[in-house]
Protein backbone atom coordinates (compact mmCIF):
# COMPACT_ATOMS: atom_id res chain seq x y z
CA UNK A 1 158.80 109.10 -136.82
CA UNK A 2 160.82 106.53 -139.24
CA UNK A 3 161.98 103.61 -138.38
CA UNK A 4 165.58 104.24 -138.48
CA UNK A 5 164.87 107.60 -135.47
CA UNK A 6 163.27 104.57 -133.49
CA UNK A 7 165.63 102.14 -133.32
CA UNK A 8 167.74 104.89 -132.48
CA UNK A 9 165.41 106.24 -129.63
CA UNK A 10 165.60 102.58 -128.74
CA UNK A 11 169.37 102.21 -129.00
CA UNK A 12 169.75 105.41 -126.50
CA UNK A 13 167.31 104.34 -124.05
CA UNK A 14 169.76 100.24 -123.77
CA UNK A 15 167.21 98.26 -125.81
CA UNK A 16 167.89 97.28 -129.47
CA UNK A 17 166.03 97.79 -132.67
CA UNK A 18 165.25 93.78 -132.05
CA UNK A 19 163.83 94.77 -129.16
CA UNK A 20 161.74 97.23 -130.67
CA UNK A 21 160.44 94.04 -133.06
CA UNK A 22 159.96 92.09 -130.44
CA UNK A 23 157.68 94.65 -128.62
CA UNK A 24 155.95 95.49 -131.89
CA UNK A 25 154.59 91.51 -132.03
CA UNK A 26 153.97 91.55 -128.74
CA UNK A 27 151.47 94.09 -128.99
CA UNK A 28 149.90 92.59 -132.38
CA UNK A 29 150.30 89.74 -130.91
CA UNK A 30 147.32 91.00 -128.38
CA UNK A 31 145.48 93.16 -130.70
CA UNK A 32 144.84 90.22 -133.13
CA UNK A 33 142.67 87.85 -130.79
CA UNK A 34 140.70 90.81 -130.24
CA UNK A 35 137.57 91.49 -133.12
CA UNK A 36 137.73 93.52 -135.49
CA UNK A 37 140.37 95.84 -135.67
CA UNK A 38 140.67 99.08 -136.28
CA UNK A 39 144.01 98.23 -138.64
CA UNK A 40 144.73 94.89 -139.75
CA UNK A 41 147.03 92.51 -137.49
CA UNK A 42 148.39 88.89 -138.71
CA UNK A 43 146.75 85.87 -138.41
CA UNK A 44 146.87 85.15 -134.18
CA UNK A 45 149.34 82.26 -133.79
CA UNK A 46 146.71 81.29 -130.97
CA UNK A 47 144.10 81.17 -132.76
CA UNK A 48 141.45 78.36 -131.19
CA UNK A 49 137.71 77.38 -131.42
CA UNK A 50 135.65 78.46 -128.49
CA UNK A 51 132.06 76.75 -127.35
CA UNK A 52 130.28 79.50 -128.49
CA UNK A 53 131.94 79.32 -132.30
CA UNK A 54 131.21 75.46 -132.04
CA UNK A 55 127.78 76.10 -131.65
CA UNK A 56 127.21 79.16 -133.97
CA UNK A 57 128.56 76.70 -136.72
CA UNK A 58 126.36 73.31 -135.43
CA UNK A 59 123.59 76.14 -135.77
CA UNK A 60 124.23 77.90 -138.82
CA UNK A 61 126.24 74.78 -140.46
CA UNK A 62 125.58 71.47 -139.18
CA UNK A 63 126.16 69.17 -142.21
CA UNK A 64 130.19 70.14 -141.87
CA UNK A 65 133.01 69.45 -139.67
CA UNK A 66 133.59 72.29 -137.63
CA UNK A 67 137.24 71.33 -136.52
CA UNK A 68 138.31 70.15 -139.75
CA UNK A 69 137.63 73.58 -141.54
CA UNK A 70 138.75 75.19 -138.89
CA UNK A 71 141.94 73.59 -139.60
CA UNK A 72 141.51 74.35 -143.18
CA UNK A 73 141.12 77.65 -141.98
CA UNK A 74 144.18 77.86 -140.10
CA UNK A 75 146.62 76.48 -143.06
CA UNK A 76 144.80 78.86 -145.46
CA UNK A 77 145.52 82.21 -143.61
CA UNK A 78 148.35 81.62 -141.67
CA UNK A 79 150.27 84.27 -143.66
CA UNK A 80 147.27 87.16 -144.11
CA UNK A 81 146.00 89.40 -142.08
CA UNK A 82 142.84 91.00 -141.20
CA UNK A 83 140.64 93.28 -139.04
CA UNK A 84 138.37 90.59 -137.97
CA UNK A 85 139.68 87.21 -138.17
CA UNK A 86 135.91 86.33 -136.28
CA UNK A 87 133.81 87.25 -139.22
CA UNK A 88 136.78 85.89 -141.59
CA UNK A 89 135.94 82.69 -140.25
CA UNK A 90 132.31 82.47 -139.91
CA UNK A 91 132.69 83.74 -143.75
CA UNK A 92 134.13 80.25 -144.11
CA UNK A 93 132.16 78.04 -142.21
CA UNK A 94 129.71 79.99 -144.28
CA UNK A 95 131.04 78.60 -147.77
CA UNK A 96 132.31 75.53 -146.50
CA UNK A 97 130.76 72.31 -149.07
CA UNK A 98 131.97 69.17 -147.24
CA UNK A 99 129.92 66.81 -145.85
CA UNK A 100 130.99 65.30 -142.26
CA UNK A 101 132.72 62.74 -142.84
CA UNK A 102 133.94 63.09 -146.49
CA UNK A 103 136.51 65.01 -149.41
CA UNK A 104 133.97 65.75 -151.37
CA UNK A 105 130.60 68.17 -151.36
CA UNK A 106 127.30 66.88 -151.10
CA UNK A 107 126.37 65.00 -154.73
CA UNK A 108 123.48 66.76 -156.87
CA UNK A 109 121.63 64.96 -159.26
CA UNK A 110 122.22 64.70 -162.65
CA UNK A 111 119.84 66.21 -165.17
CA UNK A 112 120.15 62.18 -166.58
CA UNK A 113 119.40 60.97 -162.12
CA UNK A 114 116.00 63.48 -161.98
CA UNK A 115 114.80 62.58 -165.55
CA UNK A 116 115.33 58.49 -165.16
CA UNK A 117 113.56 59.35 -161.41
CA UNK A 118 110.64 60.95 -163.76
CA UNK A 119 109.76 58.11 -166.01
CA UNK A 120 110.22 56.10 -162.94
CA UNK A 121 107.44 58.00 -161.73
CA UNK A 122 105.47 58.09 -164.58
CA UNK A 123 106.00 53.76 -165.61
CA UNK A 124 104.29 53.37 -162.52
CA UNK A 125 101.45 56.11 -162.21
CA UNK A 126 101.05 54.38 -165.24
CA UNK A 127 100.59 50.90 -163.78
CA UNK A 128 98.77 51.98 -160.81
CA UNK A 129 96.18 52.89 -162.79
């Protein structure tokens, strides 16, 4: 049934097109909190961390701040749709590289740092002999 026909049916039943839109948004909001969905649903406005989600994140990525990462996730996905928001959140958490209490990923030593450390150890070994 086309949207105009649906609107016509609702107008005849005493409902307006606006109430049709409101009913659809209520249905989508209720379904978006369940996971996974048959069809993509908008990002749920009431998306909140559960105790299970926090425990999962702390087990998988203890070095990140799960609350801060979730806020970034919510901002990033506010206008998106998905079949499984929980899965999308888990993928986001697994991809996070920010260390708790900082705004940057953990520093990896440069090749120069590694070579300097190796040279220092070689000198120590020679001096200890």
